[in-house]
Protein backbone atom coordinates (compact mmCIF):
# COMPACT_ATOMS: atom_id res chain seq x y z
CA MET A 1 189.82 -165.21 -31.58
CA SER A 2 189.28 -161.69 -32.77
CA LYS A 3 191.37 -158.89 -31.10
CA GLY A 4 188.19 -157.15 -29.97
CA LEU A 5 186.77 -160.15 -28.12
CA GLU A 6 190.20 -160.94 -26.63
CA GLN A 7 190.54 -157.35 -25.35
CA PHE A 8 186.95 -157.59 -23.88
CA ILE A 9 187.88 -160.79 -21.86
CA ARG A 10 191.06 -159.09 -20.59
CA ASP A 11 189.31 -156.02 -19.50
CA ASN A 12 186.52 -158.01 -17.67
CA ARG A 13 188.51 -161.02 -16.35
CA ASN A 14 187.95 -159.93 -12.67
CA GLN A 15 184.27 -159.83 -13.17
CA PHE A 16 184.29 -163.38 -14.76
CA ASP A 17 186.36 -164.91 -11.98
CA SER A 18 184.35 -163.53 -9.17
CA ASP A 19 180.80 -163.74 -10.67
CA GLU A 20 178.32 -165.70 -8.41
CA PRO A 21 174.67 -166.54 -8.79
CA GLY A 22 172.55 -163.47 -7.99
CA GLU A 23 170.04 -163.07 -5.25
CA GLN A 24 167.07 -163.87 -7.49
CA VAL A 25 168.64 -167.34 -8.26
CA TRP A 26 168.82 -168.14 -4.52
CA LYS A 27 165.37 -166.95 -3.96
CA LYS A 28 164.00 -169.20 -6.80
CA LEU A 29 165.88 -172.25 -5.37
CA GLU A 30 164.54 -171.52 -1.96
CA GLN A 31 160.97 -171.28 -3.20
CA GLU A 32 161.27 -174.53 -5.13
CA LEU A 33 162.49 -176.37 -2.04
CA THR A 34 159.56 -174.80 0.02
CA ASP A 35 157.09 -175.85 -2.62
CA LYS A 36 158.43 -179.36 -2.70
CA ASN A 37 158.22 -179.70 1.09
CA GLN A 38 154.64 -178.51 1.15
CA THR A 39 153.79 -181.00 -1.51
CA ASP A 40 155.31 -183.87 0.42
CA GLU A 41 153.44 -182.76 3.63
CA LYS A 42 150.15 -182.70 1.66
CA GLN A 43 150.80 -186.20 0.30
CA ILE A 44 151.60 -187.56 3.82
CA ALA A 45 148.48 -185.93 5.23
CA LYS A 46 146.44 -187.41 2.30
CA ASN A 47 147.79 -190.97 3.02
CA ARG A 48 146.78 -190.61 6.80
CA GLN A 49 143.29 -189.40 6.13
CA PRO A 50 141.58 -192.83 5.42
CA ILE A 51 143.05 -194.31 8.62
CA LEU A 52 142.22 -191.35 10.69
CA PHE A 53 138.77 -191.35 9.41
CA THR A 54 138.46 -195.09 10.20
CA LEU A 55 139.73 -194.47 13.74
CA PHE A 56 137.15 -191.62 14.13
CA ARG A 57 134.34 -193.95 13.22
CA TRP A 58 135.59 -196.57 15.73
CA SER A 59 135.62 -193.93 18.47
CA ALA A 60 132.17 -192.82 17.45
CA ALA A 61 130.97 -196.35 17.55
CA ALA A 62 132.34 -196.83 21.05
CA ALA A 63 130.68 -193.62 22.34
CA ILE A 64 127.34 -194.57 20.83
CA LEU A 65 127.62 -198.00 22.57
CA ILE A 66 128.19 -196.42 25.92
CA LEU A 67 125.26 -194.07 25.51
CA ALA A 68 122.99 -196.92 24.35
CA GLY A 69 123.81 -198.71 27.62
CA ILE A 70 121.60 -196.26 29.37
CA GLY A 71 118.61 -197.82 27.66
CA ILE A 72 119.59 -201.36 28.33
CA TYR A 73 117.89 -201.36 31.80
CA SER A 74 114.57 -201.46 30.06
CA LEU A 75 115.24 -205.15 29.51
CA LEU A 76 115.44 -205.85 33.27
CA ASN A 77 111.85 -206.75 33.79
CA ASP A 78 111.25 -208.30 30.40
CA ARG A 79 111.84 -211.86 31.49
CA SER A 80 109.41 -213.29 29.02
CA ILE A 81 111.40 -212.30 25.99
CA ARG A 82 113.15 -215.20 24.40
CA ASP A 83 114.58 -214.92 20.93
CA LYS A 84 114.21 -218.25 19.13
CA ASP A 85 116.19 -217.07 16.11
CA VAL A 86 119.78 -218.19 15.62
CA VAL A 87 122.01 -215.77 17.55
CA GLN A 88 125.00 -214.61 15.54
CA GLN A 89 128.18 -215.67 17.20
CA PRO A 90 131.04 -213.23 17.66
CA LYS A 91 133.72 -213.32 15.11
CA SER A 92 137.02 -213.93 16.78
CA ALA A 93 139.87 -212.03 15.21
CA ASP A 94 142.43 -214.17 13.58
CA THR A 95 145.19 -214.70 16.11
CA PRO A 96 148.51 -214.27 14.34
CA VAL A 97 151.46 -216.40 15.23
CA LEU A 98 153.90 -214.46 17.43
CA ASN A 99 156.68 -214.97 14.82
CA ASP A 100 154.51 -214.02 11.85
CA PRO A 101 157.16 -212.87 9.38
CA LEU A 102 155.20 -209.87 8.09
CA LEU A 103 154.28 -208.56 11.50
CA LYS A 104 157.66 -209.18 12.81
CA GLU A 105 159.32 -207.39 9.88
CA ILE A 106 157.01 -204.29 10.43
CA ASN A 107 157.37 -204.09 14.21
CA PRO A 108 158.01 -207.06 16.59
CA THR A 109 156.57 -205.07 19.57
CA TYR A 110 153.39 -204.35 17.63
CA ALA A 111 153.23 -208.01 16.66
CA ARG A 112 153.24 -209.09 20.36
CA GLU A 113 150.56 -206.47 21.12
CA VAL A 114 148.32 -207.96 18.38
CA VAL A 115 148.53 -211.42 19.89
CA GLN A 116 147.97 -210.27 23.43
CA PHE A 117 144.80 -208.30 22.44
CA THR A 118 143.29 -211.02 20.30
CA GLN A 119 143.76 -213.54 23.08
CA LEU A 120 142.24 -211.23 25.56
CA ILE A 121 139.32 -210.53 23.23
CA GLU A 122 138.65 -214.26 22.86
CA LEU A 123 138.53 -214.68 26.64
CA LYS A 124 136.09 -211.88 27.08
CA GLN A 125 133.90 -213.05 24.31
CA ASN A 126 133.65 -216.44 26.00
CA GLU A 127 132.68 -214.68 29.16
CA LEU A 128 130.08 -212.72 27.36
CA LYS A 129 128.38 -215.91 26.20
CA GLY A 130 127.23 -216.48 29.76
CA ILE A 131 124.16 -214.29 28.96
CA GLU A 132 123.23 -215.90 25.63
CA LYS A 133 120.48 -218.20 27.11
CA GLU A 134 119.29 -215.80 29.85
CA ASN A 135 119.06 -212.70 27.54
CA PRO A 136 119.60 -213.54 23.90
CA ASN A 137 118.39 -210.14 22.60
CA LEU A 138 121.07 -208.30 24.58
CA TYR A 139 123.73 -210.91 23.69
CA LYS A 140 122.74 -210.44 19.99
CA GLN A 141 123.19 -206.78 20.17
CA PHE A 142 126.57 -207.01 21.93
CA VAL A 143 127.81 -209.35 19.38
CA ALA A 144 126.72 -207.11 16.51
CA ASP A 145 128.65 -204.22 17.94
CA ILE A 146 131.83 -206.18 18.17
CA ASN A 147 131.44 -207.74 14.78
CA LYS A 148 131.29 -204.29 13.15
CA LEU A 149 134.69 -203.51 14.56
CA ASP A 150 135.99 -206.93 13.78
CA SER A 151 134.98 -206.46 10.09
CA SER A 152 137.00 -203.14 9.98
CA TYR A 153 139.91 -205.04 11.49
CA ASN A 154 139.89 -207.70 8.83
CA ALA A 155 139.70 -205.11 6.09
CA LEU A 156 142.87 -203.55 7.53
CA GLN A 157 144.55 -206.76 7.89
CA LYS A 158 143.87 -207.60 4.17
CA GLU A 159 145.34 -204.17 3.15
CA LEU A 160 148.57 -204.59 5.26
CA PRO A 161 150.83 -206.53 2.77
CA GLU A 162 150.45 -204.09 -0.05
CA ASN A 163 150.14 -200.91 1.88
CA PRO A 164 153.26 -198.52 1.82
CA ASN A 165 152.45 -197.14 5.33
CA ARG A 166 152.43 -200.63 6.94
CA GLU A 167 153.58 -199.56 10.40
CA GLN A 168 150.86 -196.82 10.55
CA LEU A 169 148.30 -199.43 9.43
CA LEU A 170 149.46 -201.85 12.00
CA GLU A 171 148.95 -199.18 14.58
CA ALA A 172 145.32 -198.71 13.33
CA MET A 173 144.74 -202.47 13.72
CA ILE A 174 146.01 -202.39 17.36
CA GLU A 175 143.79 -199.34 18.17
CA ASN A 176 140.89 -201.37 16.69
CA LEU A 177 141.70 -204.34 19.02
CA ARG A 178 142.00 -201.98 21.96
CA LEU A 179 138.60 -200.53 21.20
CA GLN A 180 137.12 -204.04 20.91
CA THR A 181 138.54 -204.84 24.36
CA GLU A 182 137.18 -201.59 25.88
CA ILE A 183 133.74 -202.24 24.47
CA LEU A 184 133.76 -205.84 25.81
CA ASN A 185 134.67 -204.51 29.14
CA GLN A 186 131.84 -202.08 29.02
CA GLN A 187 129.38 -204.80 27.89
CA LEU A 188 130.49 -207.11 30.80
CA SER A 189 130.18 -204.19 33.21
CA ILE A 190 126.51 -203.63 32.04
CA ILE A 191 125.75 -207.25 32.43
CA ASN A 192 127.04 -207.18 36.06
CA GLN A 193 124.90 -204.10 36.72
CA ILE A 194 121.80 -205.88 35.32
CA LYS A 195 122.54 -208.96 37.50
CA ALA A 196 122.91 -206.78 40.58
CA ALA A 197 119.69 -204.94 39.88
CA LYS A 198 117.89 -208.22 39.41
CA ASN A 199 119.25 -209.52 42.76
CA ASN A 200 118.09 -206.40 44.45
CA ASN A 201 114.61 -206.68 43.01
CA HIS A 202 114.44 -210.31 44.11
CA GLU A 203 115.51 -209.47 47.59
CA SER A 204 112.98 -206.62 47.80
CA SER A 205 110.22 -208.85 46.62
CA PHE A 206 111.19 -211.54 49.16
CA LYS A 207 111.18 -209.06 52.07
CA LYS A 208 107.62 -207.92 51.16
CA THR A 209 106.34 -211.45 51.27
């Protein structure tokens, strides 16, 4: 080592020992961490968008069905309509076994909810079939509404094994089943109102005679 370099090190030893990264270094590290967090948040939001959009469409479909119920009463006095075409039967969601390994692995509680909802939907669909002969057109429309949601459910179910956000996807499946249940309840309520209105009309006609 040259004498000049050796002397320089001796003269500046204190500075070498105490030297720390400057303020600009820390600011740069902080900015990099902030950018990474923002990128991760954007990616999470991007992954959620398809499911949220699907849920929005389901909610919109339910709202449209309820509004459409207002016009159903136009069918009350149309007793001569009989649809001779084959009426499409409701598609029953595939009821998973309670100990389904995939569902149980994702979330056992959610797995039980799926089973409960699918069983409830099947019961309500059987109840809905009571109007098939009396009012096939109305029954056909109700079945079509449920089948649209059921098709979305089946698409989610097929995507479940390979999707990285499986728990979120399972939540979307449960929300779909919940909407199917609510729509079936609304349909059955409309049927009861139609029956009540027909009975009132019949009683009024009987009193007049």
